[in-house]
N, C-alpha and C. Protein backbone atom coordinates (compact mmCIF):
# COMPACT_ATOMS: atom_id res chain seq x y z
N ASP A 1 102.01 3.87 72.04
CA ASP A 1 102.83 2.79 72.57
C ASP A 1 103.67 2.24 71.42
N CYS A 2 104.99 2.39 71.49
CA CYS A 2 105.89 1.90 70.45
C CYS A 2 106.19 0.43 70.66
N ASN A 3 106.17 -0.31 69.59
CA ASN A 3 106.43 -1.74 69.61
C ASN A 3 107.33 -2.10 68.44
N PRO A 4 107.90 -3.29 68.45
CA PRO A 4 108.84 -3.67 67.38
C PRO A 4 108.24 -3.66 65.98
N ASP A 5 106.93 -3.79 65.86
CA ASP A 5 106.33 -3.85 64.52
C ASP A 5 105.39 -2.70 64.21
N GLY A 6 105.32 -1.71 65.10
CA GLY A 6 104.44 -0.57 64.83
C GLY A 6 104.16 0.25 66.06
N VAL A 7 103.08 1.04 65.97
CA VAL A 7 102.72 1.98 67.03
C VAL A 7 101.21 1.89 67.28
N ALA A 8 100.84 1.84 68.57
CA ALA A 8 99.43 1.90 68.95
C ALA A 8 99.06 3.37 69.10
N VAL A 9 98.05 3.81 68.37
CA VAL A 9 97.61 5.21 68.40
C VAL A 9 96.23 5.25 69.05
N VAL A 10 96.10 6.07 70.08
CA VAL A 10 94.86 6.17 70.84
C VAL A 10 94.46 7.63 70.94
N ASP A 11 93.20 7.91 70.68
CA ASP A 11 92.66 9.26 70.82
C ASP A 11 91.76 9.26 72.05
N VAL A 12 92.03 10.18 72.99
CA VAL A 12 91.23 10.28 74.21
C VAL A 12 90.64 11.68 74.34
N SER A 13 89.56 11.76 75.10
CA SER A 13 88.94 13.05 75.37
C SER A 13 89.73 13.76 76.46
N ALA A 14 89.33 14.97 76.79
CA ALA A 14 90.01 15.74 77.83
C ALA A 14 89.86 15.09 79.20
N THR A 15 88.86 14.23 79.37
CA THR A 15 88.66 13.54 80.64
C THR A 15 89.34 12.18 80.66
N GLY A 16 89.97 11.78 79.57
CA GLY A 16 90.69 10.51 79.52
C GLY A 16 89.88 9.35 78.98
N SER A 17 88.69 9.61 78.47
CA SER A 17 87.86 8.54 77.91
C SER A 17 88.33 8.20 76.50
N LEU A 18 88.25 6.94 76.16
CA LEU A 18 88.67 6.47 74.84
C LEU A 18 87.70 6.96 73.77
N LEU A 19 88.23 7.60 72.74
CA LEU A 19 87.42 8.04 71.61
C LEU A 19 87.64 7.15 70.39
N GLU A 20 88.91 6.88 70.11
CA GLU A 20 89.25 6.13 68.90
C GLU A 20 90.60 5.47 69.11
N HIS A 21 90.81 4.34 68.45
CA HIS A 21 92.11 3.66 68.56
C HIS A 21 92.39 2.90 67.27
N ARG A 22 93.69 2.71 67.04
CA ARG A 22 94.12 1.87 65.92
C ARG A 22 95.59 1.52 66.11
N TYR A 23 95.99 0.49 65.41
CA TYR A 23 97.38 0.05 65.48
C TYR A 23 97.98 0.20 64.10
N ILE A 24 99.04 1.00 64.00
CA ILE A 24 99.71 1.21 62.71
C ILE A 24 100.88 0.23 62.66
N ARG A 25 100.73 -0.76 61.81
CA ARG A 25 101.72 -1.83 61.71
C ARG A 25 102.61 -1.62 60.48
N LYS A 26 103.89 -1.68 60.70
CA LYS A 26 104.89 -1.67 59.63
C LYS A 26 105.79 -2.88 59.87
N GLN A 27 105.36 -4.01 59.39
CA GLN A 27 106.03 -5.28 59.66
C GLN A 27 107.48 -5.27 59.21
N ARG A 28 107.78 -4.56 58.15
CA ARG A 28 109.11 -4.59 57.56
C ARG A 28 110.18 -3.96 58.45
N ILE A 29 109.79 -3.09 59.40
CA ILE A 29 110.81 -2.43 60.22
C ILE A 29 111.51 -3.40 61.17
N GLN A 30 110.96 -4.59 61.34
CA GLN A 30 111.61 -5.58 62.20
C GLN A 30 112.77 -6.27 61.51
N PHE A 31 112.64 -6.52 60.21
CA PHE A 31 113.58 -7.42 59.56
C PHE A 31 114.31 -6.84 58.36
N ALA A 32 113.93 -5.67 57.91
CA ALA A 32 114.50 -5.12 56.68
C ALA A 32 115.89 -4.51 56.92
N SER A 33 116.55 -4.18 55.82
CA SER A 33 117.85 -3.52 55.91
C SER A 33 117.67 -2.09 56.44
N ASP A 34 118.75 -1.44 56.80
CA ASP A 34 118.68 -0.10 57.42
C ASP A 34 117.95 0.93 56.57
N ASN A 35 118.21 0.96 55.27
CA ASN A 35 117.55 1.94 54.41
C ASN A 35 116.04 1.74 54.38
N LYS A 36 115.62 0.50 54.29
CA LYS A 36 114.19 0.21 54.27
C LYS A 36 113.56 0.50 55.62
N ARG A 37 114.28 0.19 56.69
CA ARG A 37 113.78 0.51 58.03
C ARG A 37 113.59 2.00 58.20
N ASP A 38 114.59 2.77 57.78
CA ASP A 38 114.49 4.23 57.91
C ASP A 38 113.31 4.77 57.11
N TYR A 39 113.11 4.25 55.91
CA TYR A 39 112.00 4.69 55.07
C TYR A 39 110.66 4.37 55.74
N ASP A 40 110.51 3.14 56.21
CA ASP A 40 109.26 2.74 56.86
C ASP A 40 109.04 3.48 58.17
N THR A 41 110.10 3.76 58.90
CA THR A 41 109.99 4.53 60.13
C THR A 41 109.52 5.95 59.83
N GLY A 42 110.02 6.52 58.74
CA GLY A 42 109.58 7.84 58.32
C GLY A 42 108.11 7.85 57.94
N LEU A 43 107.66 6.81 57.24
CA LEU A 43 106.24 6.70 56.87
C LEU A 43 105.36 6.57 58.11
N LEU A 44 105.84 5.78 59.06
CA LEU A 44 105.12 5.59 60.31
C LEU A 44 104.99 6.91 61.06
N ALA A 45 106.09 7.63 61.16
CA ALA A 45 106.08 8.93 61.84
C ALA A 45 105.14 9.92 61.14
N LYS A 46 105.19 9.91 59.84
CA LYS A 46 104.33 10.81 59.06
C LYS A 46 102.85 10.53 59.33
N GLU A 47 102.51 9.25 59.37
CA GLU A 47 101.11 8.86 59.61
C GLU A 47 100.66 9.22 61.02
N VAL A 48 101.51 8.99 62.02
CA VAL A 48 101.17 9.30 63.42
C VAL A 48 101.00 10.80 63.61
N VAL A 49 101.95 11.57 63.12
CA VAL A 49 101.91 13.02 63.31
C VAL A 49 100.74 13.64 62.54
N GLN A 50 100.47 13.16 61.34
CA GLN A 50 99.35 13.67 60.56
C GLN A 50 98.02 13.39 61.27
N TYR A 51 97.92 12.22 61.89
CA TYR A 51 96.72 11.87 62.65
C TYR A 51 96.52 12.86 63.80
N ALA A 52 97.59 13.13 64.56
CA ALA A 52 97.51 14.08 65.68
C ALA A 52 97.20 15.49 65.18
N TYR A 53 97.80 15.87 64.06
CA TYR A 53 97.57 17.20 63.49
C TYR A 53 96.10 17.37 63.08
N ASN A 54 95.54 16.33 62.45
CA ASN A 54 94.14 16.39 62.02
C ASN A 54 93.20 16.46 63.22
N LYS A 55 93.56 15.80 64.31
CA LYS A 55 92.73 15.81 65.53
C LYS A 55 92.98 17.05 66.38
N LYS A 56 94.05 17.81 66.03
CA LYS A 56 94.43 19.01 66.79
C LYS A 56 94.74 18.67 68.25
N LYS A 57 95.54 17.61 68.42
CA LYS A 57 95.92 17.15 69.75
C LYS A 57 97.42 16.91 69.80
N PRO A 58 98.00 16.99 71.00
CA PRO A 58 99.44 16.70 71.12
C PRO A 58 99.69 15.20 71.03
N ILE A 59 100.94 14.85 70.82
CA ILE A 59 101.37 13.46 70.79
C ILE A 59 101.99 13.15 72.15
N VAL A 60 101.56 12.06 72.76
CA VAL A 60 102.12 11.62 74.04
C VAL A 60 102.94 10.36 73.76
N LEU A 61 104.21 10.44 74.05
CA LEU A 61 105.13 9.32 73.83
C LEU A 61 105.70 8.84 75.15
N GLU A 62 106.13 7.60 75.16
CA GLU A 62 106.78 7.08 76.35
C GLU A 62 108.27 7.32 76.26
N LYS A 63 108.88 7.58 77.40
CA LYS A 63 110.31 7.81 77.50
C LYS A 63 110.98 6.46 77.71
N LEU A 64 111.27 5.76 76.63
CA LEU A 64 111.87 4.43 76.74
C LEU A 64 113.38 4.51 76.87
N GLU A 65 113.91 3.79 77.83
CA GLU A 65 115.36 3.71 78.01
C GLU A 65 115.71 2.29 78.40
N PHE A 66 116.50 1.63 77.57
CA PHE A 66 117.00 0.30 77.92
C PHE A 66 118.44 0.49 78.37
N LYS A 67 118.66 0.31 79.64
CA LYS A 67 120.00 0.48 80.18
C LYS A 67 120.76 -0.83 80.09
N LYS A 68 122.06 -0.70 79.91
CA LYS A 68 122.88 -1.90 79.90
C LYS A 68 122.98 -2.43 81.31
N SER A 69 122.74 -3.72 81.45
CA SER A 69 122.86 -4.33 82.76
C SER A 69 124.14 -5.15 82.82
N LYS A 70 124.52 -5.48 84.02
CA LYS A 70 125.73 -6.28 84.19
C LYS A 70 125.52 -7.67 83.63
N LYS A 71 124.30 -8.17 83.79
CA LYS A 71 123.98 -9.48 83.24
C LYS A 71 123.54 -9.30 81.80
N SER A 72 124.04 -10.14 80.94
CA SER A 72 123.69 -10.03 79.53
C SER A 72 122.84 -11.24 79.14
N TYR A 73 121.66 -10.98 78.64
CA TYR A 73 120.77 -12.04 78.21
C TYR A 73 120.66 -11.98 76.69
N ASN A 74 120.97 -13.10 76.05
CA ASN A 74 120.99 -13.13 74.59
C ASN A 74 119.63 -12.76 73.99
N LYS A 75 118.55 -13.29 74.56
CA LYS A 75 117.22 -13.01 74.01
C LYS A 75 116.89 -11.52 74.11
N PHE A 76 117.19 -10.91 75.27
CA PHE A 76 116.93 -9.48 75.45
C PHE A 76 117.79 -8.65 74.52
N ASN A 77 119.08 -8.99 74.39
CA ASN A 77 119.98 -8.24 73.51
C ASN A 77 119.52 -8.31 72.06
N ARG A 78 119.06 -9.47 71.63
CA ARG A 78 118.58 -9.64 70.26
C ARG A 78 117.32 -8.80 70.04
N MET A 79 116.40 -8.84 71.02
CA MET A 79 115.17 -8.06 70.92
C MET A 79 115.50 -6.57 70.88
N LYS A 80 116.43 -6.14 71.75
CA LYS A 80 116.79 -4.73 71.83
C LYS A 80 117.43 -4.23 70.54
N SER A 81 118.25 -5.06 69.93
CA SER A 81 118.91 -4.62 68.70
C SER A 81 117.93 -4.56 67.53
N ASN A 82 116.93 -5.41 67.52
CA ASN A 82 115.93 -5.38 66.46
C ASN A 82 114.86 -4.33 66.69
N PHE A 83 114.66 -3.92 67.93
CA PHE A 83 113.62 -2.96 68.28
C PHE A 83 114.17 -1.55 68.10
N ILE A 84 113.74 -0.89 67.07
CA ILE A 84 114.32 0.40 66.72
C ILE A 84 113.48 1.54 67.32
N TYR A 85 113.16 1.39 68.60
CA TYR A 85 112.29 2.36 69.25
C TYR A 85 112.87 3.77 69.19
N ARG A 86 114.18 3.89 69.34
CA ARG A 86 114.79 5.22 69.35
C ARG A 86 114.59 5.90 68.00
N LYS A 87 114.77 5.14 66.92
CA LYS A 87 114.55 5.71 65.59
C LYS A 87 113.09 6.11 65.41
N MET A 88 112.18 5.27 65.91
CA MET A 88 110.75 5.58 65.79
C MET A 88 110.42 6.85 66.56
N LEU A 89 110.86 6.92 67.80
CA LEU A 89 110.54 8.08 68.62
C LEU A 89 111.16 9.36 68.06
N ASN A 90 112.42 9.27 67.62
CA ASN A 90 113.07 10.45 67.04
C ASN A 90 112.39 10.90 65.76
N ALA A 91 111.99 9.95 64.93
CA ALA A 91 111.30 10.30 63.68
C ALA A 91 109.97 10.99 63.98
N ILE A 92 109.24 10.47 64.97
CA ILE A 92 107.95 11.08 65.33
C ILE A 92 108.17 12.48 65.90
N LYS A 93 109.16 12.63 66.79
CA LYS A 93 109.45 13.95 67.37
C LYS A 93 109.86 14.96 66.31
N GLN A 94 110.76 14.55 65.40
CA GLN A 94 111.23 15.47 64.36
C GLN A 94 110.09 15.88 63.44
N ARG A 95 109.26 14.95 63.07
CA ARG A 95 108.13 15.25 62.20
C ARG A 95 107.14 16.17 62.92
N ALA A 96 106.93 15.92 64.21
CA ALA A 96 106.00 16.75 64.99
C ALA A 96 106.50 18.18 65.09
N VAL A 97 107.81 18.37 65.30
CA VAL A 97 108.38 19.71 65.37
C VAL A 97 108.22 20.41 64.02
N LYS A 98 108.44 19.68 62.96
CA LYS A 98 108.34 20.24 61.61
C LYS A 98 106.92 20.74 61.32
N ILE A 99 105.92 20.01 61.75
CA ILE A 99 104.53 20.37 61.48
C ILE A 99 103.95 21.27 62.57
N GLY A 100 104.54 21.25 63.76
CA GLY A 100 104.06 22.10 64.85
C GLY A 100 103.11 21.39 65.80
N VAL A 101 103.25 20.09 65.95
CA VAL A 101 102.43 19.33 66.89
C VAL A 101 103.21 19.17 68.19
N PRO A 102 102.63 19.54 69.33
CA PRO A 102 103.34 19.40 70.60
C PRO A 102 103.57 17.92 70.95
N VAL A 103 104.69 17.65 71.61
CA VAL A 103 105.03 16.30 72.04
C VAL A 103 105.22 16.29 73.55
N ILE A 104 104.56 15.34 74.23
CA ILE A 104 104.67 15.17 75.67
C ILE A 104 105.28 13.79 75.90
N GLU A 105 106.28 13.73 76.78
CA GLU A 105 106.89 12.45 77.11
C GLU A 105 106.51 12.06 78.54
N VAL A 106 106.12 10.79 78.72
CA VAL A 106 105.72 10.28 80.03
C VAL A 106 106.52 9.03 80.36
N GLN A 107 106.52 8.67 81.64
CA GLN A 107 107.20 7.46 82.08
C GLN A 107 106.43 6.23 81.59
N PRO A 108 107.13 5.24 81.04
CA PRO A 108 106.45 4.07 80.49
C PRO A 108 106.19 2.96 81.51
N ALA A 109 106.58 3.15 82.75
CA ALA A 109 106.52 2.06 83.73
C ALA A 109 105.09 1.54 83.91
N PHE A 110 104.93 0.24 83.74
CA PHE A 110 103.70 -0.50 84.00
C PHE A 110 102.53 -0.11 83.10
N THR A 111 102.78 0.50 81.97
CA THR A 111 101.68 0.86 81.08
C THR A 111 101.00 -0.39 80.53
N SER A 112 101.78 -1.39 80.17
CA SER A 112 101.19 -2.62 79.64
C SER A 112 100.39 -3.35 80.70
N ILE A 113 100.92 -3.41 81.91
CA ILE A 113 100.21 -4.12 82.99
C ILE A 113 98.92 -3.41 83.35
N LEU A 114 98.97 -2.09 83.53
CA LEU A 114 97.76 -1.34 83.85
C LEU A 114 96.74 -1.41 82.71
N GLY A 115 97.23 -1.36 81.49
CA GLY A 115 96.33 -1.48 80.34
C GLY A 115 95.61 -2.82 80.32
N GLN A 116 96.36 -3.88 80.59
CA GLN A 116 95.75 -5.22 80.63
C GLN A 116 94.75 -5.34 81.77
N LEU A 117 95.12 -4.89 82.95
CA LEU A 117 94.26 -5.05 84.12
C LEU A 117 93.00 -4.21 84.04
N LYS A 118 93.10 -3.01 83.49
CA LYS A 118 91.98 -2.08 83.58
C LYS A 118 91.18 -1.90 82.29
N TYR A 119 91.85 -1.86 81.14
CA TYR A 119 91.15 -1.40 79.93
C TYR A 119 91.02 -2.43 78.82
N GLN A 120 91.85 -3.46 78.79
CA GLN A 120 91.86 -4.39 77.67
C GLN A 120 90.49 -5.05 77.47
N LYS A 121 89.93 -5.62 78.51
CA LYS A 121 88.62 -6.29 78.39
C LYS A 121 87.48 -5.29 78.30
N MET A 122 87.60 -4.17 79.01
CA MET A 122 86.52 -3.18 79.03
C MET A 122 86.22 -2.65 77.64
N TYR A 123 87.28 -2.35 76.88
CA TYR A 123 87.11 -1.76 75.55
C TYR A 123 87.43 -2.74 74.42
N SER A 124 87.71 -3.99 74.73
CA SER A 124 88.09 -5.01 73.74
C SER A 124 89.30 -4.56 72.93
N LEU A 125 90.35 -4.17 73.64
CA LEU A 125 91.56 -3.67 73.02
C LEU A 125 92.64 -4.75 73.01
N SER A 126 93.63 -4.57 72.16
CA SER A 126 94.81 -5.41 72.24
C SER A 126 95.65 -4.92 73.41
N ARG A 127 96.62 -5.72 73.84
CA ARG A 127 97.49 -5.34 74.95
C ARG A 127 98.22 -4.05 74.63
N ARG A 128 98.67 -3.92 73.39
CA ARG A 128 99.44 -2.74 72.98
C ARG A 128 98.59 -1.48 72.96
N THR A 129 97.37 -1.59 72.47
CA THR A 129 96.49 -0.44 72.41
C THR A 129 96.03 -0.03 73.81
N ALA A 130 95.82 -1.02 74.69
CA ALA A 130 95.47 -0.71 76.08
C ALA A 130 96.62 0.04 76.76
N ALA A 131 97.85 -0.36 76.47
CA ALA A 131 99.01 0.37 77.01
C ALA A 131 99.04 1.79 76.45
N GLY A 132 98.69 1.95 75.18
CA GLY A 132 98.61 3.28 74.58
C GLY A 132 97.59 4.16 75.27
N LEU A 133 96.47 3.57 75.71
CA LEU A 133 95.46 4.32 76.43
C LEU A 133 96.01 4.82 77.78
N VAL A 134 96.75 3.98 78.47
CA VAL A 134 97.36 4.38 79.74
C VAL A 134 98.36 5.51 79.51
N ILE A 135 99.14 5.42 78.44
CA ILE A 135 100.11 6.47 78.11
C ILE A 135 99.40 7.79 77.81
N ALA A 136 98.31 7.72 77.05
CA ALA A 136 97.55 8.93 76.73
C ALA A 136 96.97 9.56 78.00
N ARG A 137 96.47 8.74 78.92
CA ARG A 137 95.92 9.26 80.17
C ARG A 137 97.02 9.88 81.03
N ARG A 138 98.23 9.31 80.99
CA ARG A 138 99.34 9.92 81.72
C ARG A 138 99.70 11.27 81.14
N GLY A 139 99.55 11.41 79.84
CA GLY A 139 99.81 12.69 79.20
C GLY A 139 98.86 13.78 79.66
N LEU A 140 97.67 13.37 80.13
CA LEU A 140 96.70 14.31 80.68
C LEU A 140 96.87 14.49 82.19
N ASN A 141 97.91 13.88 82.76
CA ASN A 141 98.19 13.91 84.20
C ASN A 141 97.08 13.28 85.02
N LEU A 142 96.44 12.25 84.48
CA LEU A 142 95.42 11.52 85.21
C LEU A 142 96.07 10.37 85.95
N LYS A 143 95.69 10.17 87.18
CA LYS A 143 96.20 9.07 88.00
C LYS A 143 95.27 7.87 87.84
N GLU A 144 95.87 6.70 87.75
CA GLU A 144 95.08 5.48 87.63
C GLU A 144 94.69 4.99 89.03
N ARG A 145 93.40 4.75 89.22
CA ARG A 145 92.95 4.19 90.49
C ARG A 145 93.25 2.70 90.51
N GLU A 146 93.52 2.21 91.68
CA GLU A 146 93.76 0.78 91.83
C GLU A 146 92.41 0.10 92.06
N ASP A 147 91.77 -0.29 90.98
CA ASP A 147 90.48 -0.97 91.11
C ASP A 147 90.60 -2.43 90.69
N PHE A 148 91.72 -3.03 91.05
CA PHE A 148 91.92 -4.45 90.81
C PHE A 148 92.34 -5.10 92.13
N LYS A 149 92.09 -6.39 92.25
CA LYS A 149 92.39 -7.11 93.49
C LYS A 149 93.86 -7.49 93.55
N VAL A 150 94.42 -7.39 94.74
CA VAL A 150 95.80 -7.80 94.98
C VAL A 150 95.77 -8.88 96.07
N THR A 151 96.22 -10.08 95.69
CA THR A 151 96.25 -11.18 96.66
C THR A 151 97.65 -11.79 96.68
N PRO A 152 98.08 -12.26 97.85
CA PRO A 152 99.41 -12.89 97.90
C PRO A 152 99.41 -14.23 97.19
N ASP A 153 100.51 -14.56 96.55
CA ASP A 153 100.68 -15.85 95.90
C ASP A 153 101.12 -16.84 96.96
N LEU A 154 100.32 -17.87 97.18
CA LEU A 154 100.61 -18.82 98.25
C LEU A 154 101.81 -19.70 97.94
N LYS A 155 102.13 -19.90 96.68
CA LYS A 155 103.26 -20.75 96.29
C LYS A 155 104.58 -20.00 96.42
N LYS A 156 104.59 -18.75 96.04
CA LYS A 156 105.80 -17.93 96.09
C LYS A 156 105.55 -16.76 97.03
N LYS A 157 106.30 -16.70 98.11
CA LYS A 157 106.05 -15.70 99.14
C LYS A 157 106.31 -14.28 98.68
N GLU A 158 107.23 -14.09 97.75
CA GLU A 158 107.60 -12.74 97.32
C GLU A 158 106.79 -12.27 96.11
N HIS A 159 105.71 -12.98 95.77
CA HIS A 159 104.91 -12.62 94.61
C HIS A 159 103.47 -12.29 95.02
N LEU A 160 102.85 -11.49 94.20
CA LEU A 160 101.45 -11.12 94.38
C LEU A 160 100.70 -11.41 93.09
N ASN A 161 99.42 -11.66 93.21
CA ASN A 161 98.56 -11.82 92.04
C ASN A 161 97.71 -10.56 91.90
N LEU A 162 97.78 -9.94 90.74
CA LEU A 162 96.96 -8.77 90.45
C LEU A 162 95.83 -9.22 89.54
N GLU A 163 94.59 -9.02 89.98
CA GLU A 163 93.44 -9.50 89.22
C GLU A 163 92.57 -8.32 88.82
N GLY A 164 92.43 -8.12 87.52
CA GLY A 164 91.60 -7.04 87.01
C GLY A 164 90.38 -7.61 86.32
N ARG A 165 89.92 -6.94 85.30
CA ARG A 165 88.76 -7.37 84.54
C ARG A 165 89.10 -8.61 83.71
N GLN A 166 88.75 -9.77 84.21
CA GLN A 166 88.97 -11.05 83.54
C GLN A 166 90.43 -11.24 83.15
N CYS A 167 91.33 -10.73 83.96
CA CYS A 167 92.76 -10.82 83.68
C CYS A 167 93.51 -10.92 84.99
N ALA A 168 94.54 -11.76 85.02
CA ALA A 168 95.37 -11.89 86.21
C ALA A 168 96.83 -11.85 85.81
N ILE A 169 97.64 -11.14 86.59
CA ILE A 169 99.06 -10.99 86.31
C ILE A 169 99.81 -11.21 87.63
N ALA A 170 100.88 -11.97 87.55
CA ALA A 170 101.73 -12.17 88.73
C ALA A 170 102.76 -11.05 88.78
N SER A 171 103.06 -10.60 89.99
CA SER A 171 104.01 -9.51 90.17
C SER A 171 104.81 -9.76 91.44
N THR A 172 106.00 -9.23 91.48
CA THR A 172 106.77 -9.30 92.72
C THR A 172 106.29 -8.18 93.64
N VAL A 173 106.58 -8.31 94.90
CA VAL A 173 106.20 -7.29 95.88
C VAL A 173 106.90 -5.97 95.55
N LYS A 174 108.16 -6.06 95.14
CA LYS A 174 108.93 -4.86 94.82
C LYS A 174 108.32 -4.13 93.60
N ALA A 175 107.98 -4.89 92.56
CA ALA A 175 107.38 -4.29 91.37
C ALA A 175 106.03 -3.67 91.72
N TYR A 176 105.26 -4.32 92.57
CA TYR A 176 103.97 -3.77 92.97
C TYR A 176 104.13 -2.47 93.73
N SER A 177 105.17 -2.37 94.57
CA SER A 177 105.40 -1.11 95.29
C SER A 177 105.73 0.02 94.32
N TRP A 178 106.46 -0.29 93.26
CA TRP A 178 106.73 0.73 92.22
C TRP A 178 105.45 1.09 91.49
N LEU A 179 104.61 0.12 91.25
CA LEU A 179 103.34 0.36 90.57
C LEU A 179 102.46 1.30 91.38
N GLN A 180 102.48 1.16 92.69
CA GLN A 180 101.66 2.02 93.55
C GLN A 180 102.13 3.47 93.50
N GLU A 181 103.43 3.68 93.30
CA GLU A 181 103.94 5.04 93.21
C GLU A 181 103.51 5.66 91.91
């Protein structure tokens, strides 16, 4: 799971069970100049690919795409310009090709939500690492069962409450229908 300050790395078994996890943080990639960002991104990619190579497993990455919308939000635009996900993903892919580690790309939709609802409390993970676990399971073509409660929000008619393991998230009906797919 790629984030503005690093990458969540999760090792899973062939059945999708969590074996090992860690978060590789490179704080400087958020705020440093381009040369320093590129250097730190390269170090990050090297560490991720070497980890996968040592484990003899493929790397599963999310296919992130931020499309331009008609509405422009200053906070989102600022976050998007500082979030160098494309550089991170390209650096990891290039390093993986160089060393010979296979790369699998999966859809990133609802990985954070599913990670929070299903795995965060169960394994005492951070939100980012729980999302990484969902991404790794998608790389194995495992489907997530809906083992969380869905109740309508009485205050807002178009919203639902999703309740998992000691966690609750509000969602729109439309987003929930996408989650079910």
